[in-house]
Amino acid sequence: MNSAENWLKLVLRVFGGVSVVAVFRFVMSWRWVGIVQEWLGMGALPDKPVVEYLARSTSALCALYGGLLLVLAMDVRRYASLIRFQAMAIMALSAIGAIFGLRGGMPAWWMLSDAASVWLFCGAMLILQKRLSPMIDSPVH
């Protein structure tokens, strides 16, 4: 196993581990969600069914994504194309999401820090995957 492979596995595990923690937000009491929202300075949480549905769905998808990254970290050579695809897709989604979030009134610090962390981790995944690619394409001796 080489250095690029080890680093890629570490990046996938760290980003996956952070993302999978969203499962707690998925099952957290709605009252607590409101308290956290106010603590972050985002005002009162709207008491509308669609808000709760979207917040919980987003948290569930983040947790699922984290789990996927943890699985991908198990065999970065086998899942090379999937690692590249998900990294590029998440980077694109985060950029578009940041634009919509800013337009929708989300705090700039929130949207920029979210997009920056995604681009940092996914960019690292792409760079490390590229360093690993020649070794994937060459025959193993």
N, C-alpha and C. Protein backbone atom coordinates (compact mmCIF):
# COMPACT_ATOMS: atom_id res chain seq x y z
N MET A 1 0.85 -1.17 0.00
CA MET A 1 0.00 0.00 0.00
C MET A 1 0.90 1.24 0.00
N ASN A 2 0.56 2.23 -0.84
CA ASN A 2 1.41 3.41 -0.92
C ASN A 2 0.82 4.58 -0.14
N SER A 3 1.57 5.66 -0.12
CA SER A 3 1.19 6.84 0.65
C SER A 3 -0.12 7.46 0.16
N ALA A 4 -0.29 7.59 -1.16
CA ALA A 4 -1.51 8.18 -1.71
C ALA A 4 -2.73 7.35 -1.30
N GLU A 5 -2.58 6.04 -1.33
CA GLU A 5 -3.68 5.15 -0.93
C GLU A 5 -4.04 5.34 0.54
N ASN A 6 -3.03 5.42 1.39
CA ASN A 6 -3.29 5.63 2.82
C ASN A 6 -3.96 6.97 3.09
N TRP A 7 -3.46 8.01 2.44
CA TRP A 7 -4.06 9.34 2.63
C TRP A 7 -5.49 9.39 2.11
N LEU A 8 -5.74 8.77 0.97
CA LEU A 8 -7.09 8.75 0.41
C LEU A 8 -8.05 8.04 1.36
N LYS A 9 -7.62 6.93 1.89
CA LYS A 9 -8.46 6.21 2.86
C LYS A 9 -8.73 7.08 4.08
N LEU A 10 -7.73 7.79 4.55
CA LEU A 10 -7.90 8.67 5.71
C LEU A 10 -8.90 9.79 5.41
N VAL A 11 -8.75 10.43 4.25
CA VAL A 11 -9.67 11.52 3.87
C VAL A 11 -11.09 11.00 3.78
N LEU A 12 -11.28 9.86 3.15
CA LEU A 12 -12.62 9.27 3.04
C LEU A 12 -13.20 8.95 4.42
N ARG A 13 -12.37 8.42 5.29
CA ARG A 13 -12.85 8.06 6.64
C ARG A 13 -13.18 9.29 7.48
N VAL A 14 -12.36 10.32 7.39
CA VAL A 14 -12.63 11.54 8.17
C VAL A 14 -13.90 12.23 7.67
N PHE A 15 -13.98 12.47 6.36
CA PHE A 15 -15.17 13.14 5.81
C PHE A 15 -16.40 12.27 5.99
N GLY A 16 -16.24 10.96 5.81
CA GLY A 16 -17.36 10.04 6.02
C GLY A 16 -17.80 10.01 7.47
N GLY A 17 -16.83 9.99 8.38
CA GLY A 17 -17.15 9.97 9.81
C GLY A 17 -17.88 11.22 10.26
N VAL A 18 -17.44 12.37 9.76
CA VAL A 18 -18.11 13.63 10.10
C VAL A 18 -19.54 13.64 9.52
N SER A 19 -19.67 13.18 8.30
CA SER A 19 -20.99 13.19 7.64
C SER A 19 -21.97 12.23 8.29
N VAL A 20 -21.50 11.06 8.70
CA VAL A 20 -22.40 10.05 9.27
C VAL A 20 -23.00 10.51 10.61
N VAL A 21 -22.35 11.45 11.26
CA VAL A 21 -22.86 11.98 12.53
C VAL A 21 -24.21 12.68 12.33
N ALA A 22 -24.54 13.05 11.10
CA ALA A 22 -25.83 13.69 10.82
C ALA A 22 -27.01 12.79 11.17
N VAL A 23 -26.75 11.51 11.41
CA VAL A 23 -27.83 10.61 11.81
C VAL A 23 -28.46 11.08 13.12
N PHE A 24 -27.66 11.71 13.99
CA PHE A 24 -28.20 12.22 15.25
C PHE A 24 -29.18 13.37 14.99
N ARG A 25 -28.87 14.21 14.03
CA ARG A 25 -29.76 15.32 13.67
C ARG A 25 -31.05 14.77 13.07
N PHE A 26 -30.95 13.66 12.38
CA PHE A 26 -32.11 13.02 11.76
C PHE A 26 -33.13 12.58 12.80
N VAL A 27 -32.65 12.07 13.94
CA VAL A 27 -33.55 11.54 14.97
C VAL A 27 -33.73 12.49 16.17
N MET A 28 -33.03 13.61 16.15
CA MET A 28 -33.10 14.57 17.26
C MET A 28 -34.52 15.13 17.40
N SER A 29 -34.91 15.44 18.63
CA SER A 29 -36.25 16.02 18.83
C SER A 29 -36.32 17.35 18.09
N TRP A 30 -37.47 17.65 17.56
CA TRP A 30 -37.65 18.88 16.77
C TRP A 30 -37.44 20.12 17.65
N ARG A 31 -37.75 20.00 18.92
CA ARG A 31 -37.52 21.11 19.85
C ARG A 31 -36.03 21.41 19.96
N TRP A 32 -35.22 20.38 20.05
CA TRP A 32 -33.76 20.56 20.12
C TRP A 32 -33.23 21.19 18.83
N VAL A 33 -33.78 20.75 17.71
CA VAL A 33 -33.36 21.32 16.42
C VAL A 33 -33.60 22.83 16.44
N GLY A 34 -34.76 23.24 16.96
CA GLY A 34 -35.07 24.66 17.06
C GLY A 34 -34.11 25.41 17.97
N ILE A 35 -33.73 24.78 19.07
CA ILE A 35 -32.78 25.40 20.01
C ILE A 35 -31.42 25.61 19.33
N VAL A 36 -30.96 24.60 18.60
CA VAL A 36 -29.68 24.71 17.89
C VAL A 36 -29.76 25.81 16.83
N GLN A 37 -30.86 25.88 16.12
CA GLN A 37 -31.05 26.90 15.09
C GLN A 37 -30.92 28.30 15.68
N GLU A 38 -31.58 28.52 16.80
CA GLU A 38 -31.50 29.83 17.45
C GLU A 38 -30.10 30.09 18.00
N TRP A 39 -29.47 29.07 18.58
CA TRP A 39 -28.11 29.21 19.11
C TRP A 39 -27.13 29.63 18.01
N LEU A 40 -27.36 29.12 16.78
CA LEU A 40 -26.51 29.49 15.65
C LEU A 40 -26.81 30.88 15.11
N GLY A 41 -27.81 31.54 15.67
CA GLY A 41 -28.14 32.89 15.24
C GLY A 41 -28.97 32.96 13.98
N MET A 42 -29.70 31.89 13.69
CA MET A 42 -30.50 31.85 12.46
C MET A 42 -31.98 32.11 12.72
N GLY A 43 -32.31 32.57 13.92
CA GLY A 43 -33.69 32.88 14.22
C GLY A 43 -34.51 31.65 14.57
N ALA A 44 -35.80 31.89 14.73
CA ALA A 44 -36.72 30.81 15.09
C ALA A 44 -36.91 29.85 13.91
N LEU A 45 -36.99 28.58 14.22
CA LEU A 45 -37.22 27.55 13.21
C LEU A 45 -38.70 27.57 12.83
N PRO A 46 -39.00 27.73 11.54
CA PRO A 46 -40.41 27.72 11.12
C PRO A 46 -41.10 26.41 11.49
N ASP A 47 -42.28 26.52 12.05
CA ASP A 47 -43.04 25.34 12.47
C ASP A 47 -43.97 24.91 11.33
N LYS A 48 -43.36 24.38 10.27
CA LYS A 48 -44.10 23.93 9.10
C LYS A 48 -43.67 22.49 8.79
N PRO A 49 -44.61 21.65 8.42
CA PRO A 49 -44.26 20.24 8.14
C PRO A 49 -43.17 20.10 7.08
N VAL A 50 -43.18 20.91 6.04
CA VAL A 50 -42.19 20.78 4.98
C VAL A 50 -40.79 21.11 5.49
N VAL A 51 -40.68 22.02 6.43
CA VAL A 51 -39.37 22.38 7.00
C VAL A 51 -38.79 21.18 7.75
N GLU A 52 -39.61 20.56 8.57
CA GLU A 52 -39.13 19.39 9.31
C GLU A 52 -38.78 18.26 8.35
N TYR A 53 -39.63 18.01 7.37
CA TYR A 53 -39.38 16.95 6.41
C TYR A 53 -38.05 17.17 5.68
N LEU A 54 -37.84 18.38 5.17
CA LEU A 54 -36.62 18.67 4.42
C LEU A 54 -35.37 18.63 5.31
N ALA A 55 -35.49 19.13 6.53
CA ALA A 55 -34.35 19.10 7.45
C ALA A 55 -33.97 17.67 7.80
N ARG A 56 -34.96 16.85 8.08
CA ARG A 56 -34.66 15.46 8.43
C ARG A 56 -34.17 14.67 7.22
N SER A 57 -34.76 14.92 6.07
CA SER A 57 -34.32 14.22 4.85
C SER A 57 -32.88 14.57 4.51
N THR A 58 -32.53 15.84 4.65
CA THR A 58 -31.16 16.27 4.37
C THR A 58 -30.19 15.61 5.33
N SER A 59 -30.55 15.56 6.60
CA SER A 59 -29.69 14.90 7.59
C SER A 59 -29.53 13.42 7.28
N ALA A 60 -30.61 12.77 6.89
CA ALA A 60 -30.54 11.35 6.55
C ALA A 60 -29.63 11.12 5.35
N LEU A 61 -29.74 11.97 4.34
CA LEU A 61 -28.89 11.83 3.16
C LEU A 61 -27.42 12.09 3.49
N CYS A 62 -27.15 13.04 4.37
CA CYS A 62 -25.76 13.29 4.80
C CYS A 62 -25.21 12.06 5.51
N ALA A 63 -26.00 11.47 6.37
CA ALA A 63 -25.56 10.27 7.08
C ALA A 63 -25.32 9.12 6.10
N LEU A 64 -26.21 8.95 5.14
CA LEU A 64 -26.04 7.92 4.13
C LEU A 64 -24.77 8.16 3.33
N TYR A 65 -24.52 9.40 2.94
CA TYR A 65 -23.31 9.75 2.20
C TYR A 65 -22.07 9.42 3.03
N GLY A 66 -22.10 9.73 4.31
CA GLY A 66 -20.98 9.40 5.18
C GLY A 66 -20.73 7.91 5.22
N GLY A 67 -21.80 7.14 5.30
CA GLY A 67 -21.66 5.69 5.28
C GLY A 67 -21.07 5.20 3.98
N LEU A 68 -21.49 5.80 2.87
CA LEU A 68 -20.93 5.44 1.57
C LEU A 68 -19.42 5.69 1.53
N LEU A 69 -18.99 6.84 2.05
CA LEU A 69 -17.56 7.15 2.05
C LEU A 69 -16.78 6.15 2.89
N LEU A 70 -17.37 5.72 4.00
CA LEU A 70 -16.70 4.72 4.84
C LEU A 70 -16.56 3.39 4.10
N VAL A 71 -17.55 3.03 3.32
CA VAL A 71 -17.47 1.80 2.52
C VAL A 71 -16.43 1.97 1.42
N LEU A 72 -16.43 3.11 0.74
CA LEU A 72 -15.45 3.35 -0.33
C LEU A 72 -14.02 3.29 0.19
N ALA A 73 -13.81 3.72 1.44
CA ALA A 73 -12.48 3.72 2.03
C ALA A 73 -11.94 2.30 2.23
N MET A 74 -12.81 1.32 2.22
CA MET A 74 -12.37 -0.06 2.43
C MET A 74 -11.53 -0.60 1.26
N ASP A 75 -11.80 -0.09 0.04
CA ASP A 75 -11.06 -0.57 -1.13
C ASP A 75 -11.01 0.54 -2.18
N VAL A 76 -10.07 1.47 -2.02
CA VAL A 76 -10.02 2.64 -2.91
C VAL A 76 -9.62 2.27 -4.34
N ARG A 77 -8.96 1.17 -4.51
CA ARG A 77 -8.61 0.74 -5.87
C ARG A 77 -9.84 0.21 -6.60
N ARG A 78 -10.58 -0.62 -5.92
CA ARG A 78 -11.79 -1.19 -6.53
C ARG A 78 -12.83 -0.14 -6.84
N TYR A 79 -12.97 0.86 -5.95
CA TYR A 79 -14.01 1.87 -6.09
C TYR A 79 -13.50 3.19 -6.67
N ALA A 80 -12.38 3.15 -7.39
CA ALA A 80 -11.74 4.36 -7.90
C ALA A 80 -12.71 5.23 -8.71
N SER A 81 -13.43 4.66 -9.65
CA SER A 81 -14.32 5.48 -10.49
C SER A 81 -15.48 6.05 -9.68
N LEU A 82 -15.97 5.32 -8.72
CA LEU A 82 -17.05 5.82 -7.87
C LEU A 82 -16.55 6.94 -6.94
N ILE A 83 -15.33 6.82 -6.47
CA ILE A 83 -14.75 7.87 -5.63
C ILE A 83 -14.63 9.16 -6.44
N ARG A 84 -14.14 9.06 -7.67
CA ARG A 84 -14.03 10.24 -8.54
C ARG A 84 -15.40 10.84 -8.81
N PHE A 85 -16.36 10.00 -9.18
CA PHE A 85 -17.69 10.50 -9.50
C PHE A 85 -18.33 11.23 -8.32
N GLN A 86 -18.32 10.61 -7.15
CA GLN A 86 -18.99 11.23 -6.01
C GLN A 86 -18.31 12.53 -5.61
N ALA A 87 -16.97 12.58 -5.70
CA ALA A 87 -16.25 13.81 -5.34
C ALA A 87 -16.63 14.96 -6.27
N MET A 88 -16.65 14.69 -7.57
CA MET A 88 -17.02 15.74 -8.53
C MET A 88 -18.48 16.15 -8.37
N ALA A 89 -19.35 15.18 -8.15
CA ALA A 89 -20.77 15.48 -7.99
C ALA A 89 -21.04 16.30 -6.73
N ILE A 90 -20.43 15.93 -5.63
CA ILE A 90 -20.64 16.66 -4.38
C ILE A 90 -20.06 18.07 -4.47
N MET A 91 -18.93 18.23 -5.16
CA MET A 91 -18.37 19.57 -5.35
C MET A 91 -19.32 20.45 -6.16
N ALA A 92 -19.88 19.90 -7.22
CA ALA A 92 -20.82 20.66 -8.04
C ALA A 92 -22.08 21.00 -7.24
N LEU A 93 -22.61 20.01 -6.52
CA LEU A 93 -23.81 20.26 -5.72
C LEU A 93 -23.57 21.30 -4.63
N SER A 94 -22.38 21.27 -4.01
CA SER A 94 -22.11 22.24 -2.95
C SER A 94 -21.99 23.65 -3.50
N ALA A 95 -21.41 23.80 -4.69
CA ALA A 95 -21.29 25.12 -5.30
C ALA A 95 -22.67 25.69 -5.65
N ILE A 96 -23.48 24.85 -6.26
CA ILE A 96 -24.83 25.30 -6.63
C ILE A 96 -25.65 25.55 -5.38
N GLY A 97 -25.53 24.67 -4.39
CA GLY A 97 -26.25 24.85 -3.13
C GLY A 97 -25.85 26.12 -2.40
N ALA A 98 -24.56 26.47 -2.47
CA ALA A 98 -24.10 27.70 -1.82
C ALA A 98 -24.74 28.93 -2.48
N ILE A 99 -24.85 28.91 -3.78
CA ILE A 99 -25.49 30.02 -4.49
C ILE A 99 -26.94 30.15 -4.07
N PHE A 100 -27.65 29.04 -4.07
CA PHE A 100 -29.06 29.08 -3.66
C PHE A 100 -29.21 29.45 -2.19
N GLY A 101 -28.32 28.94 -1.34
CA GLY A 101 -28.37 29.26 0.08
C GLY A 101 -28.16 30.74 0.34
N LEU A 102 -27.17 31.31 -0.32
CA LEU A 102 -26.92 32.75 -0.17
C LEU A 102 -28.11 33.57 -0.69
N ARG A 103 -28.63 33.16 -1.84
CA ARG A 103 -29.80 33.86 -2.41
C ARG A 103 -31.02 33.73 -1.51
N GLY A 104 -31.11 32.61 -0.79
CA GLY A 104 -32.25 32.37 0.09
C GLY A 104 -32.12 33.02 1.46
N GLY A 105 -30.96 33.64 1.74
CA GLY A 105 -30.80 34.35 3.00
C GLY A 105 -29.99 33.62 4.07
N MET A 106 -29.37 32.49 3.70
CA MET A 106 -28.52 31.80 4.67
C MET A 106 -27.31 32.68 4.98
N PRO A 107 -26.79 32.59 6.21
CA PRO A 107 -25.60 33.39 6.55
C PRO A 107 -24.42 33.01 5.64
N ALA A 108 -23.71 34.03 5.18
CA ALA A 108 -22.58 33.81 4.27
C ALA A 108 -21.53 32.92 4.92
N TRP A 109 -21.27 33.10 6.23
CA TRP A 109 -20.26 32.29 6.90
C TRP A 109 -20.62 30.82 6.85
N TRP A 110 -21.92 30.51 6.94
CA TRP A 110 -22.38 29.12 6.93
C TRP A 110 -22.16 28.52 5.54
N MET A 111 -22.63 29.23 4.53
CA MET A 111 -22.56 28.70 3.16
C MET A 111 -21.11 28.59 2.68
N LEU A 112 -20.29 29.58 2.99
CA LEU A 112 -18.90 29.56 2.52
C LEU A 112 -18.08 28.51 3.26
N SER A 113 -18.31 28.36 4.56
CA SER A 113 -17.56 27.33 5.29
C SER A 113 -18.00 25.93 4.86
N ASP A 114 -19.28 25.75 4.58
CA ASP A 114 -19.77 24.45 4.11
C ASP A 114 -19.14 24.12 2.75
N ALA A 115 -19.23 25.06 1.81
CA ALA A 115 -18.67 24.82 0.48
C ALA A 115 -17.16 24.62 0.54
N ALA A 116 -16.46 25.41 1.36
CA ALA A 116 -15.00 25.29 1.46
C ALA A 116 -14.60 23.93 2.01
N SER A 117 -15.32 23.44 3.02
CA SER A 117 -14.97 22.12 3.57
C SER A 117 -15.22 21.02 2.56
N VAL A 118 -16.30 21.11 1.82
CA VAL A 118 -16.60 20.11 0.79
C VAL A 118 -15.51 20.13 -0.28
N TRP A 119 -15.16 21.32 -0.75
CA TRP A 119 -14.15 21.43 -1.80
C TRP A 119 -12.78 20.98 -1.30
N LEU A 120 -12.47 21.25 -0.05
CA LEU A 120 -11.19 20.82 0.51
C LEU A 120 -11.10 19.29 0.54
N PHE A 121 -12.11 18.65 1.11
CA PHE A 121 -12.07 17.19 1.22
C PHE A 121 -12.22 16.50 -0.13
N CYS A 122 -13.18 16.94 -0.93
CA CYS A 122 -13.39 16.29 -2.23
C CYS A 122 -12.25 16.59 -3.19
N GLY A 123 -11.69 17.79 -3.10
CA GLY A 123 -10.51 18.11 -3.92
C GLY A 123 -9.35 17.20 -3.55
N ALA A 124 -9.16 16.97 -2.26
CA ALA A 124 -8.12 16.05 -1.80
C ALA A 124 -8.38 14.64 -2.32
N MET A 125 -9.65 14.22 -2.31
CA MET A 125 -9.98 12.90 -2.83
C MET A 125 -9.57 12.78 -4.30
N LEU A 126 -9.87 13.81 -5.09
CA LEU A 126 -9.54 13.77 -6.52
C LEU A 126 -8.04 13.78 -6.76
N ILE A 127 -7.32 14.60 -6.03
CA ILE A 127 -5.86 14.66 -6.18
C ILE A 127 -5.23 13.32 -5.80
N LEU A 128 -5.64 12.79 -4.67
CA LEU A 128 -5.07 11.51 -4.21
C LEU A 128 -5.46 10.37 -5.15
N GLN A 129 -6.70 10.40 -5.63
CA GLN A 129 -7.15 9.36 -6.56
C GLN A 129 -6.34 9.43 -7.84
N LYS A 130 -6.03 10.64 -8.29
CA LYS A 130 -5.23 10.80 -9.51
C LYS A 130 -3.82 10.25 -9.31
N ARG A 131 -3.25 10.48 -8.14
CA ARG A 131 -1.91 9.93 -7.84
C ARG A 131 -1.93 8.41 -7.78
N LEU A 132 -3.05 7.88 -7.40
CA LEU A 132 -3.21 6.42 -7.28
C LEU A 132 -3.54 5.78 -8.63
N SER A 133 -4.17 6.53 -9.53
CA SER A 133 -4.65 5.99 -10.80
C SER A 133 -3.59 5.28 -11.63
N PRO A 134 -2.38 5.83 -11.80
CA PRO A 134 -1.40 5.09 -12.59
C PRO A 134 -1.10 3.71 -12.02
N MET A 135 -1.16 3.61 -10.69
CA MET A 135 -0.90 2.33 -10.07
C MET A 135 -2.09 1.38 -10.25
N ILE A 136 -3.28 1.93 -10.36
CA ILE A 136 -4.47 1.11 -10.57
C ILE A 136 -4.47 0.55 -11.99
N ASP A 137 -4.06 1.41 -12.97
CA ASP A 137 -4.08 1.01 -14.36
C ASP A 137 -2.95 0.06 -14.74
N SER A 138 -1.87 0.07 -13.97
CA SER A 138 -0.75 -0.82 -14.30
C SER A 138 -0.94 -2.21 -13.68
N PRO A 139 -0.40 -3.23 -14.32
CA PRO A 139 -0.56 -4.57 -13.76
C PRO A 139 0.18 -4.71 -12.43
N VAL A 140 -0.40 -5.49 -11.55
CA VAL A 140 0.19 -5.75 -10.24
C VAL A 140 1.14 -6.92 -10.37
N HIS A 141 2.34 -6.77 -9.80
CA HIS A 141 3.33 -7.86 -9.86
C HIS A 141 3.39 -8.61 -8.60
